[in-house]
Every structure is written in C-alpha cells, then in structure tokens.
Amino acid sequence: MAKAEAKTAVKANGLRYKSKASGSPFAAAASFGGATMSCFMCGKHRPRSLMGTRKVAGKSQTVCAPSCKELDAQLNGGSSS
C-alpha cells in the first residue's frame, strides 16, 4: 500500500509547510464563556464553566472543579475504576 502524498508548498522564505485545515480546535466560541482553558493540574482542555481557581505554588491557577478525577468521572458516565 502506498502512503498518501502530503501536499506541501514552498514559501518565499524557503520554509515548507504541509497543508492543513485552517483554524484551531481551541478557538473561542461566540461568547467568552464558551472558550476552553487547560487545567494546570491535568492539562486537559475544558470549558471555562467547568473550571475553578486554586492557589498552587503561591499563585492562583485555573484547575478542574471540583477535582480532575471527579470531573472525569462525571463526564465519562459516572463509571469509576
């Protein structure tokens, strides 16, 4: 099986980029409350409505609320292992 050729284009400055769909999966939604942020503890991107702040190393950081494990259990159908 042959691998599909990636489409590339050489820019004027000599750099080569693979073509991809424009945009970002983390782009803000129509309203500010629809945007996502990454949790300081687990690193997962979640909507701002599911985040809270907690003092970590002397600074307020955005983290999953009430906790990363509890939020994962709620979003994954309540199953715990």
PDB file of N, CA and C in Angstrom:
ATOM      1  N   MET A   1       0.825  -1.183   0.000  1.00  0.00           N
ATOM      2  CA  MET A   1       0.000   0.000   0.000  1.00  0.00           C
ATOM      3  C   MET A   1       0.872   1.250   0.000  1.00  0.00           C
ATOM      4  N   ALA A   2       0.539   2.134  -0.869  1.00  0.00           N
ATOM      5  CA  ALA A   2       1.282   3.386  -0.946  1.00  0.00           C
ATOM      6  C   ALA A   2       0.680   4.396   0.017  1.00  0.00           C
ATOM      7  N   LYS A   3       1.548   5.168   0.616  1.00  0.00           N
ATOM      8  CA  LYS A   3       1.103   6.206   1.533  1.00  0.00           C
ATOM      9  C   LYS A   3       0.625   7.414   0.736  1.00  0.00           C
ATOM     10  N   ALA A   4      -0.458   8.046   1.193  1.00  0.00           N
ATOM     11  CA  ALA A   4      -0.973   9.228   0.501  1.00  0.00           C
ATOM     12  C   ALA A   4       0.044  10.367   0.600  1.00  0.00           C
ATOM     13  N   GLU A   5       0.259  11.029  -0.510  1.00  0.00           N
ATOM     14  CA  GLU A   5       1.214  12.138  -0.535  1.00  0.00           C
ATOM     15  C   GLU A   5       0.658  13.336   0.221  1.00  0.00           C
ATOM     16  N   ALA A   6       1.482  13.914   1.076  1.00  0.00           N
ATOM     17  CA  ALA A   6       1.093  15.136   1.785  1.00  0.00           C
ATOM     18  C   ALA A   6       1.339  16.320   0.855  1.00  0.00           C
ATOM     19  N   LYS A   7       0.361  17.190   0.744  1.00  0.00           N
ATOM     20  CA  LYS A   7       0.515  18.372  -0.095  1.00  0.00           C
ATOM     21  C   LYS A   7       1.322  19.406   0.668  1.00  0.00           C
ATOM     22  N   THR A   8       2.375  19.894   0.024  1.00  0.00           N
ATOM     23  CA  THR A   8       3.201  20.926   0.646  1.00  0.00           C
ATOM     24  C   THR A   8       3.394  22.063  -0.337  1.00  0.00           C
ATOM     25  N   ALA A   9       3.790  23.175   0.196  1.00  0.00           N
ATOM     26  CA  ALA A   9       4.081  24.337  -0.636  1.00  0.00           C
ATOM     27  C   ALA A   9       5.325  25.015  -0.083  1.00  0.00           C
ATOM     28  N   VAL A  10       6.220  25.425  -0.953  1.00  0.00           N
ATOM     29  CA  VAL A  10       7.424  26.128  -0.531  1.00  0.00           C
ATOM     30  C   VAL A  10       7.104  27.613  -0.500  1.00  0.00           C
ATOM     31  N   LYS A  11       7.300  28.213   0.655  1.00  0.00           N
ATOM     32  CA  LYS A  11       7.023  29.644   0.815  1.00  0.00           C
ATOM     33  C   LYS A  11       8.198  30.455   0.276  1.00  0.00           C
ATOM     34  N   ALA A  12       8.001  31.752   0.137  1.00  0.00           N
ATOM     35  CA  ALA A  12       9.033  32.641  -0.401  1.00  0.00           C
ATOM     36  C   ALA A  12      10.288  32.643   0.470  1.00  0.00           C
ATOM     37  N   ASN A  13      10.135  32.403   1.789  1.00  0.00           N
ATOM     38  CA  ASN A  13      11.306  32.408   2.673  1.00  0.00           C
ATOM     39  C   ASN A  13      11.999  31.051   2.730  1.00  0.00           C
ATOM     40  N   GLY A  14      11.522  30.063   1.924  1.00  0.00           N
ATOM     41  CA  GLY A  14      12.181  28.775   1.844  1.00  0.00           C
ATOM     42  C   GLY A  14      11.624  27.716   2.775  1.00  0.00           C
ATOM     43  N   LEU A  15      10.697  28.073   3.645  1.00  0.00           N
ATOM     44  CA  LEU A  15      10.125  27.095   4.548  1.00  0.00           C
ATOM     45  C   LEU A  15       9.035  26.297   3.847  1.00  0.00           C
ATOM     46  N   ARG A  16       8.899  25.041   4.214  1.00  0.00           N
ATOM     47  CA  ARG A  16       7.897  24.170   3.607  1.00  0.00           C
ATOM     48  C   ARG A  16       6.879  23.800   4.681  1.00  0.00           C
ATOM     49  N   TYR A  17       5.619  24.004   4.364  1.00  0.00           N
ATOM     50  CA  TYR A  17       4.540  23.689   5.301  1.00  0.00           C
ATOM     51  C   TYR A  17       3.597  22.687   4.662  1.00  0.00           C
ATOM     52  N   LYS A  18       3.137  21.713   5.442  1.00  0.00           N
ATOM     53  CA  LYS A  18       2.103  20.802   4.980  1.00  0.00           C
ATOM     54  C   LYS A  18       0.783  21.542   5.020  1.00  0.00           C
ATOM     55  N   SER A  19      -0.043  21.294   4.042  1.00  0.00           N
ATOM     56  CA  SER A  19      -1.337  21.968   4.032  1.00  0.00           C
ATOM     57  C   SER A  19      -2.242  21.329   5.083  1.00  0.00           C
ATOM     58  N   LYS A  20      -3.054  22.126   5.733  1.00  0.00           N
ATOM     59  CA  LYS A  20      -3.975  21.640   6.746  1.00  0.00           C
ATOM     60  C   LYS A  20      -5.189  22.543   6.772  1.00  0.00           C
ATOM     61  N   ALA A  21      -6.217  22.060   7.398  1.00  0.00           N
ATOM     62  CA  ALA A  21      -7.419  22.869   7.533  1.00  0.00           C
ATOM     63  C   ALA A  21      -7.110  24.062   8.424  1.00  0.00           C
ATOM     64  N   SER A  22      -7.651  25.202   8.076  1.00  0.00           N
ATOM     65  CA  SER A  22      -7.390  26.394   8.867  1.00  0.00           C
ATOM     66  C   SER A  22      -8.197  26.366  10.154  1.00  0.00           C
ATOM     67  N   GLY A  23      -7.769  27.134  11.132  1.00  0.00           N
ATOM     68  CA  GLY A  23      -8.489  27.232  12.391  1.00  0.00           C
ATOM     69  C   GLY A  23      -7.823  26.426  13.489  1.00  0.00           C
ATOM     70  N   SER A  24      -8.382  26.538  14.663  1.00  0.00           N
ATOM     71  CA  SER A  24      -7.843  25.864  15.834  1.00  0.00           C
ATOM     72  C   SER A  24      -8.964  25.140  16.563  1.00  0.00           C
ATOM     73  N   PRO A  25      -8.690  23.949  17.107  1.00  0.00           N
ATOM     74  CA  PRO A  25      -9.727  23.272  17.881  1.00  0.00           C
ATOM     75  C   PRO A  25     -10.017  23.986  19.193  1.00  0.00           C
ATOM     76  N   PHE A  26      -9.160  24.929  19.593  1.00  0.00           N
ATOM     77  CA  PHE A  26      -9.322  25.647  20.850  1.00  0.00           C
ATOM     78  C   PHE A  26      -9.785  27.078  20.635  1.00  0.00           C
ATOM     79  N   ALA A  27     -10.304  27.380  19.459  1.00  0.00           N
ATOM     80  CA  ALA A  27     -10.782  28.731  19.178  1.00  0.00           C
ATOM     81  C   ALA A  27     -11.955  29.077  20.086  1.00  0.00           C
ATOM     82  N   ALA A  28     -12.027  30.324  20.459  1.00  0.00           N
ATOM     83  CA  ALA A  28     -13.113  30.769  21.335  1.00  0.00           C
ATOM     84  C   ALA A  28     -14.438  30.667  20.599  1.00  0.00           C
ATOM     85  N   ALA A  29     -15.463  30.288  21.319  1.00  0.00           N
ATOM     86  CA  ALA A  29     -16.804  30.207  20.746  1.00  0.00           C
ATOM     87  C   ALA A  29     -17.358  31.621  20.609  1.00  0.00           C
ATOM     88  N   ALA A  30     -18.609  31.711  20.254  1.00  0.00           N
ATOM     89  CA  ALA A  30     -19.220  33.013  20.025  1.00  0.00           C
ATOM     90  C   ALA A  30     -19.191  33.883  21.274  1.00  0.00           C
ATOM     91  N   SER A  31     -19.294  33.274  22.435  1.00  0.00           N
ATOM     92  CA  SER A  31     -19.262  34.048  23.676  1.00  0.00           C
ATOM     93  C   SER A  31     -18.022  33.680  24.481  1.00  0.00           C
ATOM     94  N   PHE A  32     -17.626  34.560  25.376  1.00  0.00           N
ATOM     95  CA  PHE A  32     -16.428  34.334  26.186  1.00  0.00           C
ATOM     96  C   PHE A  32     -16.567  33.081  27.044  1.00  0.00           C
ATOM     97  N   GLY A  33     -17.762  32.789  27.537  1.00  0.00           N
ATOM     98  CA  GLY A  33     -17.979  31.634  28.397  1.00  0.00           C
ATOM     99  C   GLY A  33     -17.841  30.310  27.673  1.00  0.00           C
ATOM    100  N   GLY A  34     -17.838  30.306  26.349  1.00  0.00           N
ATOM    101  CA  GLY A  34     -17.736  29.073  25.587  1.00  0.00           C
ATOM    102  C   GLY A  34     -16.309  28.652  25.306  1.00  0.00           C
ATOM    103  N   ALA A  35     -15.352  29.480  25.626  1.00  0.00           N
ATOM    104  CA  ALA A  35     -13.951  29.175  25.353  1.00  0.00           C
ATOM    105  C   ALA A  35     -13.444  28.094  26.300  1.00  0.00           C
ATOM    106  N   THR A  36     -12.372  27.427  25.900  1.00  0.00           N
ATOM    107  CA  THR A  36     -11.770  26.409  26.751  1.00  0.00           C
ATOM    108  C   THR A  36     -10.467  26.917  27.340  1.00  0.00           C
ATOM    109  N   MET A  37     -10.079  26.304  28.428  1.00  0.00           N
ATOM    110  CA  MET A  37      -8.785  26.573  29.061  1.00  0.00           C
ATOM    111  C   MET A  37      -8.197  25.240  29.472  1.00  0.00           C
ATOM    112  N   SER A  38      -6.889  25.178  29.615  1.00  0.00           N
ATOM    113  CA  SER A  38      -6.269  23.950  30.081  1.00  0.00           C
ATOM    114  C   SER A  38      -6.129  23.993  31.591  1.00  0.00           C
ATOM    115  N   CYS A  39      -6.318  22.827  32.205  1.00  0.00           N
ATOM    116  CA  CYS A  39      -6.184  22.685  33.649  1.00  0.00           C
ATOM    117  C   CYS A  39      -4.697  22.692  34.005  1.00  0.00           C
ATOM    118  N   PHE A  40      -4.338  23.401  35.046  1.00  0.00           N
ATOM    119  CA  PHE A  40      -2.945  23.463  35.486  1.00  0.00           C
ATOM    120  C   PHE A  40      -2.477  22.108  36.006  1.00  0.00           C
ATOM    121  N   MET A  41      -3.402  21.317  36.575  1.00  0.00           N
ATOM    122  CA  MET A  41      -3.038  20.035  37.183  1.00  0.00           C
ATOM    123  C   MET A  41      -2.958  18.900  36.159  1.00  0.00           C
ATOM    124  N   CYS A  42      -4.017  18.705  35.349  1.00  0.00           N
ATOM    125  CA  CYS A  42      -4.045  17.558  34.442  1.00  0.00           C
ATOM    126  C   CYS A  42      -3.741  17.923  32.987  1.00  0.00           C
ATOM    127  N   GLY A  43      -3.863  19.208  32.623  1.00  0.00           N
ATOM    128  CA  GLY A  43      -3.526  19.654  31.279  1.00  0.00           C
ATOM    129  C   GLY A  43      -4.634  19.490  30.251  1.00  0.00           C
ATOM    130  N   LYS A  44      -5.794  18.960  30.641  1.00  0.00           N
ATOM    131  CA  LYS A  44      -6.885  18.768  29.697  1.00  0.00           C
ATOM    132  C   LYS A  44      -7.608  20.087  29.452  1.00  0.00           C
ATOM    133  N   HIS A  45      -8.070  20.274  28.207  1.00  0.00           N
ATOM    134  CA  HIS A  45      -8.837  21.475  27.871  1.00  0.00           C
ATOM    135  C   HIS A  45     -10.294  21.227  28.208  1.00  0.00           C
ATOM    136  N   ARG A  46     -10.874  22.166  28.940  1.00  0.00           N
ATOM    137  CA  ARG A  46     -12.263  22.060  29.361  1.00  0.00           C
ATOM    138  C   ARG A  46     -12.914  23.440  29.210  1.00  0.00           C
ATOM    139  N   PRO A  47     -14.257  23.459  29.085  1.00  0.00           N
ATOM    140  CA  PRO A  47     -14.951  24.762  29.049  1.00  0.00           C
ATOM    141  C   PRO A  47     -14.728  25.518  30.353  1.00  0.00           C
ATOM    142  N   ARG A  48     -14.713  26.831  30.265  1.00  0.00           N
ATOM    143  CA  ARG A  48     -14.485  27.666  31.455  1.00  0.00           C
ATOM    144  C   ARG A  48     -15.508  27.406  32.548  1.00  0.00           C
ATOM    145  N   SER A  49     -16.724  27.010  32.155  1.00  0.00           N
ATOM    146  CA  SER A  49     -17.771  26.771  33.146  1.00  0.00           C
ATOM    147  C   SER A  49     -17.456  25.579  34.049  1.00  0.00           C
ATOM    148  N   LEU A  50     -16.552  24.692  33.627  1.00  0.00           N
ATOM    149  CA  LEU A  50     -16.166  23.525  34.429  1.00  0.00           C
ATOM    150  C   LEU A  50     -14.861  23.746  35.181  1.00  0.00           C
ATOM    151  N   MET A  51     -14.332  24.967  35.116  1.00  0.00           N
ATOM    152  CA  MET A  51     -13.043  25.263  35.751  1.00  0.00           C
ATOM    153  C   MET A  51     -13.238  26.130  36.991  1.00  0.00           C
ATOM    154  N   GLY A  52     -12.261  26.095  37.867  1.00  0.00           N
ATOM    155  CA  GLY A  52     -12.227  26.949  39.038  1.00  0.00           C
ATOM    156  C   GLY A  52     -10.791  27.380  39.268  1.00  0.00           C
ATOM    157  N   THR A  53     -10.551  28.183  40.291  1.00  0.00           N
ATOM    158  CA  THR A  53      -9.178  28.593  40.595  1.00  0.00           C
ATOM    159  C   THR A  53      -8.767  28.018  41.942  1.00  0.00           C
ATOM    160  N   ARG A  54      -7.489  27.743  42.051  1.00  0.00           N
ATOM    161  CA  ARG A  54      -6.914  27.215  43.276  1.00  0.00           C
ATOM    162  C   ARG A  54      -5.499  27.771  43.402  1.00  0.00           C
ATOM    163  N   LYS A  55      -5.086  28.059  44.623  1.00  0.00           N
ATOM    164  CA  LYS A  55      -3.716  28.534  44.852  1.00  0.00           C
ATOM    165  C   LYS A  55      -2.752  27.363  44.716  1.00  0.00           C
ATOM    166  N   VAL A  56      -1.838  27.473  43.773  1.00  0.00           N
ATOM    167  CA  VAL A  56      -0.809  26.461  43.558  1.00  0.00           C
ATOM    168  C   VAL A  56       0.523  27.191  43.492  1.00  0.00           C
ATOM    169  N   ALA A  57       1.426  26.841  44.369  1.00  0.00           N
ATOM    170  CA  ALA A  57       2.757  27.460  44.413  1.00  0.00           C
ATOM    171  C   ALA A  57       2.667  28.978  44.569  1.00  0.00           C
ATOM    172  N   GLY A  58       1.690  29.431  45.359  1.00  0.00           N
ATOM    173  CA  GLY A  58       1.578  30.847  45.659  1.00  0.00           C
ATOM    174  C   GLY A  58       0.858  31.690  44.630  1.00  0.00           C
ATOM    175  N   LYS A  59       0.370  31.065  43.537  1.00  0.00           N
ATOM    176  CA  LYS A  59      -0.357  31.809  42.504  1.00  0.00           C
ATOM    177  C   LYS A  59      -1.691  31.135  42.262  1.00  0.00           C
ATOM    178  N   SER A  60      -2.696  31.911  41.885  1.00  0.00           N
ATOM    179  CA  SER A  60      -3.992  31.346  41.525  1.00  0.00           C
ATOM    180  C   SER A  60      -3.887  30.737  40.131  1.00  0.00           C
ATOM    181  N   GLN A  61      -4.212  29.462  40.035  1.00  0.00           N
ATOM    182  CA  GLN A  61      -4.162  28.744  38.766  1.00  0.00           C
ATOM    183  C   GLN A  61      -5.550  28.205  38.432  1.00  0.00           C
ATOM    184  N   THR A  62      -5.850  28.057  37.145  1.00  0.00           N
ATOM    185  CA  THR A  62      -7.119  27.505  36.711  1.00  0.00           C
ATOM    186  C   THR A  62      -7.015  25.990  36.719  1.00  0.00           C
ATOM    187  N   VAL A  63      -7.937  25.342  37.441  1.00  0.00           N
ATOM    188  CA  VAL A  63      -7.949  23.888  37.555  1.00  0.00           C
ATOM    189  C   VAL A  63      -9.373  23.370  37.384  1.00  0.00           C
ATOM    190  N   CYS A  64      -9.502  22.064  37.174  1.00  0.00           N
ATOM    191  CA  CYS A  64     -10.815  21.433  37.083  1.00  0.00           C
ATOM    192  C   CYS A  64     -11.522  21.564  38.425  1.00  0.00           C
ATOM    193  N   ALA A  65     -12.841  21.798  38.391  1.00  0.00           N
ATOM    194  CA  ALA A  65     -13.604  21.918  39.632  1.00  0.00           C
ATOM    195  C   ALA A  65     -14.696  20.863  39.628  1.00  0.00           C
ATOM    196  N   PRO A  66     -14.888  20.116  40.675  1.00  0.00           N
ATOM    197  CA  PRO A  66     -14.268  20.169  41.990  1.00  0.00           C
ATOM    198  C   PRO A  66     -12.869  19.550  42.009  1.00  0.00           C
ATOM    199  N   SER A  67     -12.611  18.518  41.176  1.00  0.00           N
ATOM    200  CA  SER A  67     -11.260  17.984  41.023  1.00  0.00           C
ATOM    201  C   SER A  67     -11.174  17.299  39.666  1.00  0.00           C
ATOM    202  N   CYS A  68      -9.973  17.016  39.201  1.00  0.00           N
ATOM    203  CA  CYS A  68      -9.782  16.407  37.884  1.00  0.00           C
ATOM    204  C   CYS A  68     -10.440  15.027  37.825  1.00  0.00           C
ATOM    205  N   LYS A  69     -10.237  14.194  38.843  1.00  0.00           N
ATOM    206  CA  LYS A  69     -10.802  12.844  38.856  1.00  0.00           C
ATOM    207  C   LYS A  69     -12.315  12.868  38.906  1.00  0.00           C
ATOM    208  N   GLU A  70     -12.886  13.722  39.742  1.00  0.00           N
ATOM    209  CA  GLU A  70     -14.340  13.799  39.846  1.00  0.00           C
ATOM    210  C   GLU A  70     -14.960  14.297  38.546  1.00  0.00           C
ATOM    211  N   LEU A  71     -14.342  15.261  37.915  1.00  0.00           N
ATOM    212  CA  LEU A  71     -14.864  15.795  36.669  1.00  0.00           C
ATOM    213  C   LEU A  71     -14.785  14.746  35.561  1.00  0.00           C
ATOM    214  N   ASP A  72     -13.688  13.986  35.498  1.00  0.00           N
ATOM    215  CA  ASP A  72     -13.570  12.902  34.521  1.00  0.00           C
ATOM    216  C   ASP A  72     -14.669  11.873  34.730  1.00  0.00           C
ATOM    217  N   ALA A  73     -14.946  11.519  35.995  1.00  0.00           N
ATOM    218  CA  ALA A  73     -15.980  10.534  36.288  1.00  0.00           C
ATOM    219  C   ALA A  73     -17.352  11.055  35.852  1.00  0.00           C
ATOM    220  N   GLN A  74     -17.642  12.325  36.075  1.00  0.00           N
ATOM    221  CA  GLN A  74     -18.925  12.906  35.686  1.00  0.00           C
ATOM    222  C   GLN A  74     -19.085  12.929  34.166  1.00  0.00           C
ATOM    223  N   LEU A  75     -18.032  13.296  33.467  1.00  0.00           N
ATOM    224  CA  LEU A  75     -18.105  13.421  32.009  1.00  0.00           C
ATOM    225  C   LEU A  75     -18.073  12.076  31.299  1.00  0.00           C
ATOM    226  N   ASN A  76     -17.539  11.051  31.936  1.00  0.00           N
ATOM    227  CA  ASN A  76     -17.436   9.725  31.332  1.00  0.00           C
ATOM    228  C   ASN A  76     -18.517   8.773  31.819  1.00  0.00           C
ATOM    229  N   GLY A  77     -19.661   9.287  32.174  1.00  0.00           N
ATOM    230  CA  GLY A  77     -20.794   8.458  32.535  1.00  0.00           C
ATOM    231  C   GLY A  77     -20.831   7.979  33.959  1.00  0.00           C
ATOM    232  N   GLY A  78     -20.027   8.540  34.826  1.00  0.00           N
ATOM    233  CA  GLY A  78     -20.072   8.187  36.237  1.00  0.00           C
ATOM    234  C   GLY A  78     -19.370   6.896  36.602  1.00  0.00           C
ATOM    235  N   SER A  79     -18.732   6.215  35.650  1.00  0.00           N
ATOM    236  CA  SER A  79     -18.026   4.981  35.977  1.00  0.00           C
ATOM    237  C   SER A  79     -16.716   5.296  36.674  1.00  0.00           C
ATOM    238  N   SER A  80     -16.416   4.549  37.717  1.00  0.00           N
ATOM    239  CA  SER A  80     -15.161   4.765  38.449  1.00  0.00           C
ATOM    240  C   SER A  80     -14.394   3.460  38.466  1.00  0.00           C
ATOM    241  N   SER A  81     -13.064   3.556  38.391  1.00  0.00           N
ATOM    242  CA  SER A  81     -12.240   2.362  38.433  1.00  0.00           C
ATOM    243  C   SER A  81     -11.081   2.536  39.364  1.00  0.00           C
TER     244      SER A  81
END
